Protein backbone atom coordinates (compact mmCIF):
# COMPACT_ATOMS: atom_id res chain seq x y z
CA UNK A 1 -32.22 -28.42 9.54
CA UNK A 2 -28.46 -28.01 9.99
CA UNK A 3 -26.66 -25.35 7.99
CA UNK A 4 -23.06 -26.55 8.06
CA UNK A 5 -20.97 -26.57 4.92
CA UNK A 6 -17.66 -27.87 3.65
CA UNK A 7 -16.24 -24.34 3.69
CA UNK A 8 -16.92 -24.12 7.43
CA UNK A 9 -15.14 -27.43 8.04
CA UNK A 10 -12.22 -26.32 5.86
CA UNK A 11 -12.12 -22.97 7.68
CA UNK A 12 -12.04 -24.70 11.07
CA UNK A 13 -9.22 -27.02 9.97
CA UNK A 14 -7.19 -24.08 8.66
CA UNK A 15 -7.83 -22.19 11.87
CA UNK A 16 -6.61 -25.13 13.94
CA UNK A 17 -3.49 -25.57 11.81
CA UNK A 18 -2.62 -21.87 11.83
CA UNK A 19 -3.89 -21.22 15.34
CA UNK A 20 -0.53 -20.33 16.82
CA UNK A 21 0.40 -17.96 14.03
CA UNK A 22 -3.02 -16.33 13.96
CA UNK A 23 -3.04 -15.77 17.70
CA UNK A 24 0.08 -13.61 17.42
CA UNK A 25 -1.31 -11.54 14.54
CA UNK A 26 -3.59 -8.62 15.19
CA UNK A 27 -6.63 -10.19 13.51
CA UNK A 28 -9.71 -11.68 15.12
CA UNK A 29 -9.30 -14.94 17.00
CA UNK A 30 -9.80 -18.24 15.15
CA UNK A 31 -12.89 -18.91 17.27
CA UNK A 32 -14.38 -15.55 16.27
CA UNK A 33 -13.60 -16.16 12.60
CA UNK A 34 -15.13 -19.64 12.81
CA UNK A 35 -18.26 -18.18 14.45
CA UNK A 36 -18.59 -15.55 11.74
CA UNK A 37 -18.02 -18.13 9.01
CA UNK A 38 -20.61 -20.49 10.53
CA UNK A 39 -23.18 -17.69 10.71
CA UNK A 40 -22.41 -16.53 7.16
CA UNK A 41 -22.79 -20.12 5.93
CA UNK A 42 -26.12 -20.36 7.78
CA UNK A 43 -27.22 -17.09 6.17
CA UNK A 44 -26.20 -18.31 2.70
CA UNK A 45 -28.04 -21.60 3.26
CA UNK A 46 -31.18 -19.75 4.38
CA UNK A 47 -31.07 -17.47 1.33
CA UNK A 48 -30.52 -20.46 -0.98
CA UNK A 49 -33.43 -22.29 0.67
CA UNK A 50 -35.62 -19.18 0.28
CA UNK A 51 -34.81 -19.06 -3.45
CA UNK A 52 -35.62 -22.77 -3.84
CA UNK A 53 -38.88 -22.40 -1.93
CA UNK A 54 -39.83 -19.38 -4.03
CA UNK A 55 -39.29 -21.35 -7.27
CA UNK A 56 -41.28 -24.26 -5.87
CA UNK A 57 -44.13 -21.95 -4.72
CA UNK A 58 -44.25 -20.24 -8.13
CA UNK A 59 -44.33 -23.60 -9.92
CA UNK A 60 -47.04 -24.87 -7.56
CA UNK A 61 -49.12 -21.73 -8.20
CA UNK A 62 -48.86 -22.30 -11.96
CA UNK A 63 -49.86 -25.95 -11.60
CA UNK A 64 -52.82 -25.17 -9.31
CA UNK A 65 -53.90 -22.25 -11.51
CA UNK A 66 -53.89 -24.56 -14.53
CA UNK A 67 -55.78 -27.26 -12.60
CA UNK A 68 -58.42 -24.72 -11.51
CA UNK A 69 -59.70 -24.40 -15.06
CA UNK A 70 -60.84 -28.03 -14.88
CA UNK A 71 -63.05 -27.29 -11.82
CA UNK A 72 -66.51 -25.80 -11.60
CA UNK A 73 -65.62 -22.87 -9.34
CA UNK A 74 -62.59 -21.59 -11.25
CA UNK A 75 -62.27 -18.16 -9.58
CA UNK A 76 -62.64 -19.58 -6.06
CA UNK A 77 -60.01 -22.23 -6.82
CA UNK A 78 -57.62 -19.62 -8.24
CA UNK A 79 -58.22 -17.35 -5.25
CA UNK A 80 -57.39 -20.22 -2.85
CA UNK A 81 -54.23 -21.02 -4.85
CA UNK A 82 -53.15 -17.34 -4.68
CA UNK A 83 -53.82 -17.24 -0.93
CA UNK A 84 -51.64 -20.34 -0.44
CA UNK A 85 -48.95 -18.74 -2.62
CA UNK A 86 -49.08 -15.50 -0.60
CA UNK A 87 -48.76 -17.44 2.67
CA UNK A 88 -45.80 -19.40 1.26
CA UNK A 89 -44.24 -16.18 -0.04
CA UNK A 90 -44.55 -14.55 3.39
CA UNK A 91 -42.70 -17.48 4.97
CA UNK A 92 -40.08 -17.27 2.18
CA UNK A 93 -39.62 -13.51 2.80
CA UNK A 94 -39.32 -14.15 6.55
CA UNK A 95 -36.61 -16.77 5.91
CA UNK A 96 -34.86 -14.47 3.43
CA UNK A 97 -35.00 -11.50 5.83
CA UNK A 98 -33.64 -13.61 8.68
CA UNK A 99 -30.76 -14.80 6.48
CA UNK A 100 -29.97 -11.22 5.41
CA UNK A 101 -30.21 -10.02 9.02
CA UNK A 102 -27.65 -12.65 10.09
CA UNK A 103 -25.34 -11.58 7.26
CA UNK A 104 -25.73 -7.87 8.14
CA UNK A 105 -25.02 -8.60 11.81
CA UNK A 106 -21.82 -10.52 10.96
CA UNK A 107 -20.65 -7.73 8.63
CA UNK A 108 -21.42 -5.18 11.34
CA UNK A 109 -19.42 -7.18 13.91
CA UNK A 110 -16.52 -7.59 11.49
CA UNK A 111 -16.50 -3.84 10.78
CA UNK A 112 -16.68 -3.04 14.50
CA UNK A 113 -13.78 -5.45 15.17
CA UNK A 114 -11.75 -3.85 12.37
CA UNK A 115 -12.50 -0.34 13.70
CA UNK A 116 -11.57 -1.42 17.23
CA UNK A 117 -8.24 -2.85 16.05
CA UNK A 118 -7.54 0.28 14.02
CA UNK A 119 -8.29 2.46 17.06
CA UNK A 120 -6.04 0.28 19.26
CA UNK A 121 -3.24 0.46 16.70
CA UNK A 122 -3.61 4.24 16.18
CA UNK A 123 -1.27 5.32 19.03
CA UNK A 124 1.37 2.82 17.92
CA UNK A 125 1.05 3.92 14.29
CA UNK A 126 1.21 7.54 15.39
CA UNK A 127 4.38 6.80 17.38
CA UNK A 128 5.85 4.95 14.38
CA UNK A 129 4.99 7.90 12.15
CA UNK A 130 6.66 10.33 14.57
CA UNK A 131 9.72 8.04 14.77
CA UNK A 132 9.85 7.92 10.96
CA UNK A 133 9.61 11.72 10.80
CA UNK A 134 12.49 12.05 13.29
CA UNK A 135 14.59 9.50 11.38
CA UNK A 136 13.81 11.17 8.06
CA UNK A 137 14.72 14.59 9.45
CA UNK A 138 17.98 13.18 10.86
CA UNK A 139 18.79 11.51 7.53
CA UNK A 140 18.00 14.72 5.66
CA UNK A 141 20.19 16.73 8.09
CA UNK A 142 23.04 14.23 7.68
CA UNK A 143 22.70 14.37 3.90
CA UNK A 144 22.70 18.18 3.95
CA UNK A 145 25.79 18.24 6.22
CA UNK A 146 27.57 15.75 3.98
CA UNK A 147 26.69 17.80 0.90
CA UNK A 148 27.88 21.00 2.61
CA UNK A 149 31.14 19.28 3.64
CA UNK A 150 31.65 17.98 0.09
CA UNK A 151 30.99 21.45 -1.34
CA UNK A 152 33.37 23.06 1.18
CA UNK A 153 36.04 20.46 0.32
CA UNK A 154 35.60 21.17 -3.40
CA UNK A 155 35.86 24.94 -2.78
CA UNK A 156 38.97 24.42 -0.62
CA UNK A 157 40.56 22.23 -3.31
CA UNK A 158 39.60 24.76 -5.98
CA UNK A 159 41.15 27.58 -3.92
CA UNK A 160 44.31 25.52 -3.36
CA UNK A 161 44.44 24.75 -7.08
CA UNK A 162 44.02 28.43 -7.98
CA UNK A 163 46.73 29.41 -5.47
CA UNK A 164 49.07 26.73 -6.84
CA UNK A 165 48.43 27.89 -10.42
CA UNK A 166 49.06 31.50 -9.40
CA UNK A 167 52.34 30.45 -7.68
CA UNK A 168 53.38 28.44 -10.74
CA UNK A 169 52.51 31.34 -13.02
CA UNK A 170 54.56 33.73 -10.84
CA UNK A 171 57.47 31.27 -10.80
CA UNK A 172 57.26 30.96 -14.59
CA UNK A 173 57.10 34.78 -14.98
CA UNK A 174 60.22 35.17 -12.82
CA UNK A 175 62.06 32.50 -14.83
CA UNK A 176 61.08 34.22 -18.06
CA UNK A 177 62.23 37.61 -16.66
CA UNK A 178 65.49 36.07 -15.46
CA UNK A 179 66.02 34.39 -18.83
CA UNK A 180 65.23 37.61 -20.71
CA UNK A 181 67.54 39.54 -18.38
CA UNK A 182 70.28 36.96 -18.93
CA UNK A 183 69.76 37.04 -22.70
CA UNK A 184 69.75 40.86 -22.61
CA UNK A 185 72.95 40.86 -20.52
CA UNK A 186 74.64 38.43 -22.90
CA UNK A 187 73.46 40.45 -25.85
CA UNK A 188 74.81 43.62 -24.26
CA UNK A 189 78.10 41.84 -23.54
CA UNK A 190 78.28 40.58 -27.09
CA UNK A 191 77.52 44.05 -28.46
CA UNK A 192 80.16 45.56 -26.15
CA UNK A 193 82.71 42.98 -27.32
CA UNK A 194 81.77 43.60 -30.88
CA UNK A 195 82.09 47.34 -30.37
CA UNK A 196 85.49 46.93 -28.69
CA UNK A 197 86.80 44.63 -31.37
CA UNK A 198 85.59 47.16 -33.97
CA UNK A 199 87.68 49.89 -32.32
CA UNK A 200 90.77 47.72 -32.34
CA UNK A 201 90.64 47.45 -36.12
């Protein structure tokens, strides 16, 4: 019996179409994937056949058991029917176990392949991680330097602003003093004139 399915054919066609792209990726080869798929399909077909055979054996046992009541040696007939059922069940279990063993083997190979690829990629990933750490540290350092420069610029501008305000305040104070002195001088002059003109009278 041949255990090929439509999914295997479709998988092979897809593998052939995407063969070039898949070869460059870090996954298993198309041939390996096709082999795994073929074996998984065979396993699924064996398990399906085992289920069908089990249903058929159970139905046959029921039919024979029912027919045994029409015979003279009922218990002997039923015992023979059970023995046939047990033999059929053993063959079914063997088929089922073989199908499960194939499936387990494929899963084991797939896991081993995945682990192997992960182990092969580990140094590269480690190097990438180190590179990322270096880049992140450099970016953080640059950001800190930029922030420090911005803060220093703000402090410098604030100091310049405070100095300018102090200079303007001093300039204003001097103007006010000069103005008050001028006003006081004019007032004194006016008072002197007033006093002199008062004497003349």
